[in-house]
PDB file of N, CA and C in Angstrom:
ATOM      1  N   UNK A   1      30.098   7.313 -29.260  1.00  0.00           N
ATOM      2  CA  UNK A   1      29.400   6.302 -29.227  1.00  0.00           C
ATOM      3  C   UNK A   1      30.648   5.264 -28.451  1.00  0.00           C
ATOM      4  N   UNK A   2      31.551   5.744 -29.035  1.00  0.00           N
ATOM      5  CA  UNK A   2      32.863   5.095 -28.619  1.00  0.00           C
ATOM      6  C   UNK A   2      32.917   4.920 -27.528  1.00  0.00           C
ATOM      7  N   UNK A   3      33.048   6.204 -26.974  1.00  0.00           N
ATOM      8  CA  UNK A   3      33.241   6.550 -25.275  1.00  0.00           C
ATOM      9  C   UNK A   3      31.963   5.667 -24.372  1.00  0.00           C
ATOM     10  N   UNK A   4      30.902   5.807 -25.397  1.00  0.00           N
ATOM     11  CA  UNK A   4      29.773   5.149 -24.277  1.00  0.00           C
ATOM     12  C   UNK A   4      29.810   3.766 -24.349  1.00  0.00           C
ATOM     13  N   UNK A   5      30.498   3.516 -25.287  1.00  0.00           N
ATOM     14  CA  UNK A   5      30.501   1.565 -25.636  1.00  0.00           C
ATOM     15  C   UNK A   5      32.068   1.189 -24.474  1.00  0.00           C
ATOM     16  N   UNK A   6      32.787   2.163 -24.432  1.00  0.00           N
ATOM     17  CA  UNK A   6      34.082   1.660 -23.673  1.00  0.00           C
ATOM     18  C   UNK A   6      33.296   1.669 -22.216  1.00  0.00           C
ATOM     19  N   UNK A   7      32.675   2.806 -21.704  1.00  0.00           N
ATOM     20  CA  UNK A   7      31.934   3.060 -20.208  1.00  0.00           C
ATOM     21  C   UNK A   7      31.106   1.889 -19.765  1.00  0.00           C
ATOM     22  N   UNK A   8      30.401   1.385 -20.829  1.00  0.00           N
ATOM     23  CA  UNK A   8      29.970   0.446 -20.287  1.00  0.00           C
ATOM     24  C   UNK A   8      30.351  -0.907 -19.972  1.00  0.00           C
ATOM     25  N   UNK A   9      31.538  -1.130 -20.957  1.00  0.00           N
ATOM     26  CA  UNK A   9      32.150  -2.477 -20.876  1.00  0.00           C
ATOM     27  C   UNK A   9      33.123  -2.289 -19.875  1.00  0.00           C
ATOM     28  N   UNK A  10      33.890  -1.173 -19.172  1.00  0.00           N
ATOM     29  CA  UNK A  10      34.492  -1.036 -18.105  1.00  0.00           C
ATOM     30  C   UNK A  10      33.555  -1.053 -16.986  1.00  0.00           C
ATOM     31  N   UNK A  11      32.364  -0.683 -16.735  1.00  0.00           N
ATOM     32  CA  UNK A  11      31.768  -1.222 -15.609  1.00  0.00           C
ATOM     33  C   UNK A  11      31.327  -2.576 -15.438  1.00  0.00           C
ATOM     34  N   UNK A  12      31.796  -3.264 -16.119  1.00  0.00           N
ATOM     35  CA  UNK A  12      30.992  -4.496 -16.254  1.00  0.00           C
ATOM     36  C   UNK A  12      32.306  -5.810 -15.977  1.00  0.00           C
ATOM     37  N   UNK A  13      33.148  -5.223 -16.415  1.00  0.00           N
ATOM     38  CA  UNK A  13      34.408  -6.333 -16.237  1.00  0.00           C
ATOM     39  C   UNK A  13      35.258  -6.336 -14.927  1.00  0.00           C
ATOM     40  N   UNK A  14      36.052  -7.076 -14.667  1.00  0.00           N
ATOM     41  CA  UNK A  14      37.067  -6.952 -13.783  1.00  0.00           C
ATOM     42  C   UNK A  14      38.398  -5.995 -14.023  1.00  0.00           C
ATOM     43  N   UNK A  15      38.913  -6.520 -15.344  1.00  0.00           N
ATOM     44  CA  UNK A  15      40.066  -5.813 -15.472  1.00  0.00           C
ATOM     45  C   UNK A  15      39.287  -4.566 -16.472  1.00  0.00           C
ATOM     46  N   UNK A  16      39.148  -3.488 -16.004  1.00  0.00           N
ATOM     47  CA  UNK A  16      38.956  -2.550 -17.196  1.00  0.00           C
ATOM     48  C   UNK A  16      40.104  -1.933 -17.960  1.00  0.00           C
ATOM     49  N   UNK A  17      41.149  -1.830 -17.337  1.00  0.00           N
ATOM     50  CA  UNK A  17      42.230  -1.605 -18.303  1.00  0.00           C
ATOM     51  C   UNK A  17      42.654  -2.565 -19.230  1.00  0.00           C
ATOM     52  N   UNK A  18      41.806  -3.495 -19.676  1.00  0.00           N
ATOM     53  CA  UNK A  18      42.364  -4.323 -20.855  1.00  0.00           C
ATOM     54  C   UNK A  18      41.299  -4.298 -21.850  1.00  0.00           C
ATOM     55  N   UNK A  19      40.143  -3.214 -21.243  1.00  0.00           N
ATOM     56  CA  UNK A  19      38.866  -3.154 -22.444  1.00  0.00           C
ATOM     57  C   UNK A  19      39.568  -2.016 -23.488  1.00  0.00           C
ATOM     58  N   UNK A  20      39.334  -2.075 -24.552  1.00  0.00           N
ATOM     59  CA  UNK A  20      39.553  -1.063 -25.510  1.00  0.00           C
ATOM     60  C   UNK A  20      38.552  -1.226 -26.971  1.00  0.00           C
ATOM     61  N   UNK A  21      38.120  -0.206 -27.561  1.00  0.00           N
ATOM     62  CA  UNK A  21      37.062  -0.002 -28.313  1.00  0.00           C
ATOM     63  C   UNK A  21      37.749   0.458 -29.612  1.00  0.00           C
ATOM     64  N   UNK A  22      37.839   0.091 -30.775  1.00  0.00           N
ATOM     65  CA  UNK A  22      38.276   0.776 -31.873  1.00  0.00           C
ATOM     66  C   UNK A  22      37.136   1.055 -33.020  1.00  0.00           C
ATOM     67  N   UNK A  23      37.282   1.368 -33.816  1.00  0.00           N
ATOM     68  CA  UNK A  23      35.961   1.762 -34.853  1.00  0.00           C
ATOM     69  C   UNK A  23      36.558   1.632 -36.269  1.00  0.00           C
ATOM     70  N   UNK A  24      35.935   0.993 -36.997  1.00  0.00           N
ATOM     71  CA  UNK A  24      35.813   0.800 -38.031  1.00  0.00           C
ATOM     72  C   UNK A  24      35.037   1.566 -39.193  1.00  0.00           C
ATOM     73  N   UNK A  25      35.558   2.368 -40.118  1.00  0.00           N
ATOM     74  CA  UNK A  25      34.311   3.409 -41.006  1.00  0.00           C
ATOM     75  C   UNK A  25      33.798   2.626 -42.041  1.00  0.00           C
ATOM     76  N   UNK A  26      32.560   2.271 -42.485  1.00  0.00           N
ATOM     77  CA  UNK A  26      32.171   1.468 -43.624  1.00  0.00           C
ATOM     78  C   UNK A  26      31.647   2.644 -44.441  1.00  0.00           C
ATOM     79  N   UNK A  27      31.172   2.014 -45.833  1.00  0.00           N
ATOM     80  CA  UNK A  27      30.345   3.494 -46.649  1.00  0.00           C
ATOM     81  C   UNK A  27      28.960   3.814 -45.828  1.00  0.00           C
ATOM     82  N   UNK A  28      28.499   3.062 -44.812  1.00  0.00           N
ATOM     83  CA  UNK A  28      27.295   3.189 -44.706  1.00  0.00           C
ATOM     84  C   UNK A  28      26.862   3.132 -43.065  1.00  0.00           C
ATOM     85  N   UNK A  29      28.032   2.544 -42.832  1.00  0.00           N
ATOM     86  CA  UNK A  29      27.821   2.180 -41.473  1.00  0.00           C
ATOM     87  C   UNK A  29      29.011   2.071 -40.655  1.00  0.00           C
ATOM     88  N   UNK A  30      29.160   2.241 -39.525  1.00  0.00           N
ATOM     89  CA  UNK A  30      30.213   1.936 -38.374  1.00  0.00           C
ATOM     90  C   UNK A  30      30.066   0.869 -37.889  1.00  0.00           C
ATOM     91  N   UNK A  31      31.508   0.314 -37.529  1.00  0.00           N
ATOM     92  CA  UNK A  31      31.676  -1.155 -36.717  1.00  0.00           C
ATOM     93  C   UNK A  31      32.360  -0.678 -35.805  1.00  0.00           C
ATOM     94  N   UNK A  32      32.045  -0.877 -34.251  1.00  0.00           N
ATOM     95  CA  UNK A  32      32.627  -0.585 -33.015  1.00  0.00           C
ATOM     96  C   UNK A  32      33.335  -1.843 -32.756  1.00  0.00           C
ATOM     97  N   UNK A  33      34.359  -2.443 -32.475  1.00  0.00           N
ATOM     98  CA  UNK A  33      34.976  -3.659 -32.338  1.00  0.00           C
ATOM     99  C   UNK A  33      35.403  -3.531 -30.750  1.00  0.00           C
ATOM    100  N   UNK A  34      34.786  -4.212 -30.030  1.00  0.00           N
ATOM    101  CA  UNK A  34      34.590  -4.173 -28.250  1.00  0.00           C
ATOM    102  C   UNK A  34      36.032  -5.485 -28.175  1.00  0.00           C
ATOM    103  N   UNK A  35      37.089  -5.260 -27.417  1.00  0.00           N
ATOM    104  CA  UNK A  35      37.911  -6.268 -26.835  1.00  0.00           C
ATOM    105  C   UNK A  35      38.169  -6.422 -25.644  1.00  0.00           C
ATOM    106  N   UNK A  36      37.964  -6.992 -24.906  1.00  0.00           N
ATOM    107  CA  UNK A  36      37.917  -7.462 -23.354  1.00  0.00           C
ATOM    108  C   UNK A  36      39.071  -8.514 -23.251  1.00  0.00           C
ATOM    109  N   UNK A  37      39.201  -8.566 -21.907  1.00  0.00           N
ATOM    110  CA  UNK A  37      40.088  -9.690 -21.542  1.00  0.00           C
ATOM    111  C   UNK A  37      39.452 -11.161 -21.533  1.00  0.00           C
ATOM    112  N   UNK A  38      40.047 -12.169 -21.439  1.00  0.00           N
ATOM    113  CA  UNK A  38      39.736 -13.325 -22.091  1.00  0.00           C
ATOM    114  C   UNK A  38      38.697 -14.134 -20.765  1.00  0.00           C
ATOM    115  N   UNK A  39      38.956 -13.705 -20.068  1.00  0.00           N
ATOM    116  CA  UNK A  39      38.407 -14.483 -18.513  1.00  0.00           C
ATOM    117  C   UNK A  39      37.108 -13.099 -18.240  1.00  0.00           C
ATOM    118  N   UNK A  40      37.234 -11.879 -19.086  1.00  0.00           N
ATOM    119  CA  UNK A  40      35.986 -11.323 -18.973  1.00  0.00           C
ATOM    120  C   UNK A  40      34.846 -11.508 -19.941  1.00  0.00           C
ATOM    121  N   UNK A  41      34.933 -12.262 -21.182  1.00  0.00           N
ATOM    122  CA  UNK A  41      34.121 -12.453 -22.178  1.00  0.00           C
ATOM    123  C   UNK A  41      32.781 -12.491 -21.527  1.00  0.00           C
ATOM    124  N   UNK A  42      32.738 -13.530 -20.532  1.00  0.00           N
ATOM    125  CA  UNK A  42      31.208 -14.295 -20.052  1.00  0.00           C
ATOM    126  C   UNK A  42      30.407 -12.799 -19.611  1.00  0.00           C
ATOM    127  N   UNK A  43      31.124 -11.814 -18.925  1.00  0.00           N
ATOM    128  CA  UNK A  43      30.592 -11.105 -18.106  1.00  0.00           C
ATOM    129  C   UNK A  43      30.184  -9.828 -19.325  1.00  0.00           C
ATOM    130  N   UNK A  44      30.553  -9.881 -20.661  1.00  0.00           N
ATOM    131  CA  UNK A  44      30.123  -8.792 -21.411  1.00  0.00           C
ATOM    132  C   UNK A  44      28.833  -9.352 -22.269  1.00  0.00           C
ATOM    133  N   UNK A  45      28.923 -10.753 -22.308  1.00  0.00           N
ATOM    134  CA  UNK A  45      28.312 -11.740 -23.311  1.00  0.00           C
ATOM    135  C   UNK A  45      27.185 -11.764 -22.321  1.00  0.00           C
ATOM    136  N   UNK A  46      27.147 -12.117 -21.523  1.00  0.00           N
ATOM    137  CA  UNK A  46      25.821 -12.646 -20.171  1.00  0.00           C
ATOM    138  C   UNK A  46      25.538 -13.895 -20.217  1.00  0.00           C
ATOM    139  N   UNK A  47      24.160 -14.320 -19.827  1.00  0.00           N
ATOM    140  CA  UNK A  47      23.663 -15.403 -20.065  1.00  0.00           C
ATOM    141  C   UNK A  47      22.842 -15.257 -21.418  1.00  0.00           C
ATOM    142  N   UNK A  48      22.952 -16.431 -22.148  1.00  0.00           N
ATOM    143  CA  UNK A  48      22.057 -16.230 -23.639  1.00  0.00           C
ATOM    144  C   UNK A  48      22.041 -14.987 -24.011  1.00  0.00           C
ATOM    145  N   UNK A  49      23.598 -14.390 -23.962  1.00  0.00           N
ATOM    146  CA  UNK A  49      23.724 -13.056 -24.637  1.00  0.00           C
ATOM    147  C   UNK A  49      23.068 -12.156 -24.529  1.00  0.00           C
ATOM    148  N   UNK A  50      22.401 -12.057 -23.272  1.00  0.00           N
ATOM    149  CA  UNK A  50      21.364 -10.870 -23.030  1.00  0.00           C
ATOM    150  C   UNK A  50      22.275  -9.627 -22.427  1.00  0.00           C
ATOM    151  N   UNK A  51      23.238  -9.545 -21.872  1.00  0.00           N
ATOM    152  CA  UNK A  51      24.086  -8.675 -21.568  1.00  0.00           C
ATOM    153  C   UNK A  51      24.463  -7.696 -22.869  1.00  0.00           C
ATOM    154  N   UNK A  52      25.358  -8.657 -23.911  1.00  0.00           N
ATOM    155  CA  UNK A  52      25.695  -7.975 -25.324  1.00  0.00           C
ATOM    156  C   UNK A  52      24.473  -7.704 -25.989  1.00  0.00           C
ATOM    157  N   UNK A  53      23.429  -8.276 -25.728  1.00  0.00           N
ATOM    158  CA  UNK A  53      22.143  -7.467 -26.499  1.00  0.00           C
ATOM    159  C   UNK A  53      21.888  -6.094 -26.045  1.00  0.00           C
ATOM    160  N   UNK A  54      21.367  -6.124 -24.755  1.00  0.00           N
ATOM    161  CA  UNK A  54      21.463  -4.647 -24.100  1.00  0.00           C
ATOM    162  C   UNK A  54      22.239  -3.698 -24.358  1.00  0.00           C
ATOM    163  N   UNK A  55      23.810  -4.083 -24.863  1.00  0.00           N
ATOM    164  CA  UNK A  55      24.915  -2.843 -24.954  1.00  0.00           C
ATOM    165  C   UNK A  55      24.379  -2.835 -26.245  1.00  0.00           C
ATOM    166  N   UNK A  56      24.294  -3.640 -26.993  1.00  0.00           N
ATOM    167  CA  UNK A  56      24.046  -3.047 -28.637  1.00  0.00           C
ATOM    168  C   UNK A  56      23.008  -2.381 -28.969  1.00  0.00           C
ATOM    169  N   UNK A  57      21.814  -2.243 -28.357  1.00  0.00           N
ATOM    170  CA  UNK A  57      20.470  -1.568 -28.156  1.00  0.00           C
ATOM    171  C   UNK A  57      21.170  -0.464 -28.055  1.00  0.00           C
ATOM    172  N   UNK A  58      21.314  -0.238 -26.375  1.00  0.00           N
ATOM    173  CA  UNK A  58      22.019   1.308 -26.108  1.00  0.00           C
ATOM    174  C   UNK A  58      23.102   2.028 -27.465  1.00  0.00           C
ATOM    175  N   UNK A  59      24.055   1.409 -27.616  1.00  0.00           N
ATOM    176  CA  UNK A  59      25.046   1.877 -28.326  1.00  0.00           C
ATOM    177  C   UNK A  59      23.968   2.690 -30.094  1.00  0.00           C
ATOM    178  N   UNK A  60      22.925   1.482 -30.527  1.00  0.00           N
ATOM    179  CA  UNK A  60      21.999   2.041 -31.371  1.00  0.00           C
ATOM    180  C   UNK A  60      21.501   2.494 -31.423  1.00  0.00           C
ATOM    181  N   UNK A  61      21.163   2.845 -30.405  1.00  0.00           N
ATOM    182  CA  UNK A  61      19.889   4.281 -29.713  1.00  0.00           C
ATOM    183  C   UNK A  61      20.694   5.571 -29.853  1.00  0.00           C
ATOM    184  N   UNK A  62      21.681   5.599 -29.244  1.00  0.00           N
ATOM    185  CA  UNK A  62      22.467   6.532 -29.222  1.00  0.00           C
ATOM    186  C   UNK A  62      23.117   7.113 -30.745  1.00  0.00           C
ATOM    187  N   UNK A  63      23.609   5.824 -30.876  1.00  0.00           N
ATOM    188  CA  UNK A  63      24.066   6.345 -32.979  1.00  0.00           C
ATOM    189  C   UNK A  63      22.199   6.971 -33.469  1.00  0.00           C
ATOM    190  N   UNK A  64      21.197   6.059 -33.509  1.00  0.00           N
ATOM    191  CA  UNK A  64      20.114   6.582 -33.982  1.00  0.00           C
ATOM    192  C   UNK A  64      20.001   8.226 -33.614  1.00  0.00           C
ATOM    193  N   UNK A  65      20.602   8.372 -32.547  1.00  0.00           N
ATOM    194  CA  UNK A  65      20.082   9.875 -32.150  1.00  0.00           C
ATOM    195  C   UNK A  65      20.737  10.797 -32.976  1.00  0.00           C
ATOM    196  N   UNK A  66      21.878  10.549 -33.326  1.00  0.00           N
ATOM    197  CA  UNK A  66      22.746  11.308 -34.153  1.00  0.00           C
ATOM    198  C   UNK A  66      22.897  10.593 -35.646  1.00  0.00           C
ATOM    199  N   UNK A  67      21.888  10.018 -36.012  1.00  0.00           N
ATOM    200  CA  UNK A  67      21.772  10.032 -37.208  1.00  0.00           C
ATOM    201  C   UNK A  67      22.516   8.865 -38.070  1.00  0.00           C
ATOM    202  N   UNK A  68      23.121   7.912 -37.343  1.00  0.00           N
ATOM    203  CA  UNK A  68      23.948   7.196 -37.441  1.00  0.00           C
ATOM    204  C   UNK A  68      23.612   5.664 -37.385  1.00  0.00           C
ATOM    205  N   UNK A  69      24.654   4.764 -38.223  1.00  0.00           N
ATOM    206  CA  UNK A  69      24.056   3.415 -38.146  1.00  0.00           C
ATOM    207  C   UNK A  69      25.201   2.672 -37.714  1.00  0.00           C
ATOM    208  N   UNK A  70      25.385   2.072 -36.395  1.00  0.00           N
ATOM    209  CA  UNK A  70      26.377   1.105 -35.701  1.00  0.00           C
ATOM    210  C   UNK A  70      26.311  -0.462 -35.494  1.00  0.00           C
ATOM    211  N   UNK A  71      27.306  -1.095 -35.751  1.00  0.00           N
ATOM    212  CA  UNK A  71      27.410  -2.490 -35.190  1.00  0.00           C
ATOM    213  C   UNK A  71      28.291  -2.210 -34.445  1.00  0.00           C
ATOM    214  N   UNK A  72      28.194  -3.523 -33.184  1.00  0.00           N
ATOM    215  CA  UNK A  72      29.085  -3.564 -32.407  1.00  0.00           C
ATOM    216  C   UNK A  72      29.646  -5.017 -32.420  1.00  0.00           C
ATOM    217  N   UNK A  73      30.650  -5.245 -32.298  1.00  0.00           N
ATOM    218  CA  UNK A  73      30.945  -6.624 -32.448  1.00  0.00           C
ATOM    219  C   UNK A  73      32.053  -6.914 -31.195  1.00  0.00           C
ATOM    220  N   UNK A  74      31.917  -8.254 -30.507  1.00  0.00           N
ATOM    221  CA  UNK A  74      32.539  -7.965 -29.637  1.00  0.00           C
ATOM    222  C   UNK A  74      33.531  -9.196 -30.023  1.00  0.00           C
ATOM    223  N   UNK A  75      35.288  -8.897 -29.492  1.00  0.00           N
ATOM    224  CA  UNK A  75      36.298  -9.727 -30.167  1.00  0.00           C
ATOM    225  C   UNK A  75      37.319 -10.003 -29.165  1.00  0.00           C
ATOM    226  N   UNK A  76      37.556 -11.499 -29.281  1.00  0.00           N
ATOM    227  CA  UNK A  76      38.577 -11.639 -28.149  1.00  0.00           C
ATOM    228  C   UNK A  76      39.668 -11.169 -28.223  1.00  0.00           C
TER     229      UNK A  76
END
């Protein structure tokens, strides 16, 4: 899931070398923190959050296939 999120984000931004994903394990779920360059935030979020919502949907679907719960947070 971490690799999926990294690949999706790098395909969207102008500075793919500045994209990073960190994983925080919780009791019942996993939180993936996506960090991108400041000037790429708009590209990852999209108009009215549509791209961010689509990214979250894809990652949640991949996690559900593995029987896990995942949350994606986009951080500056």
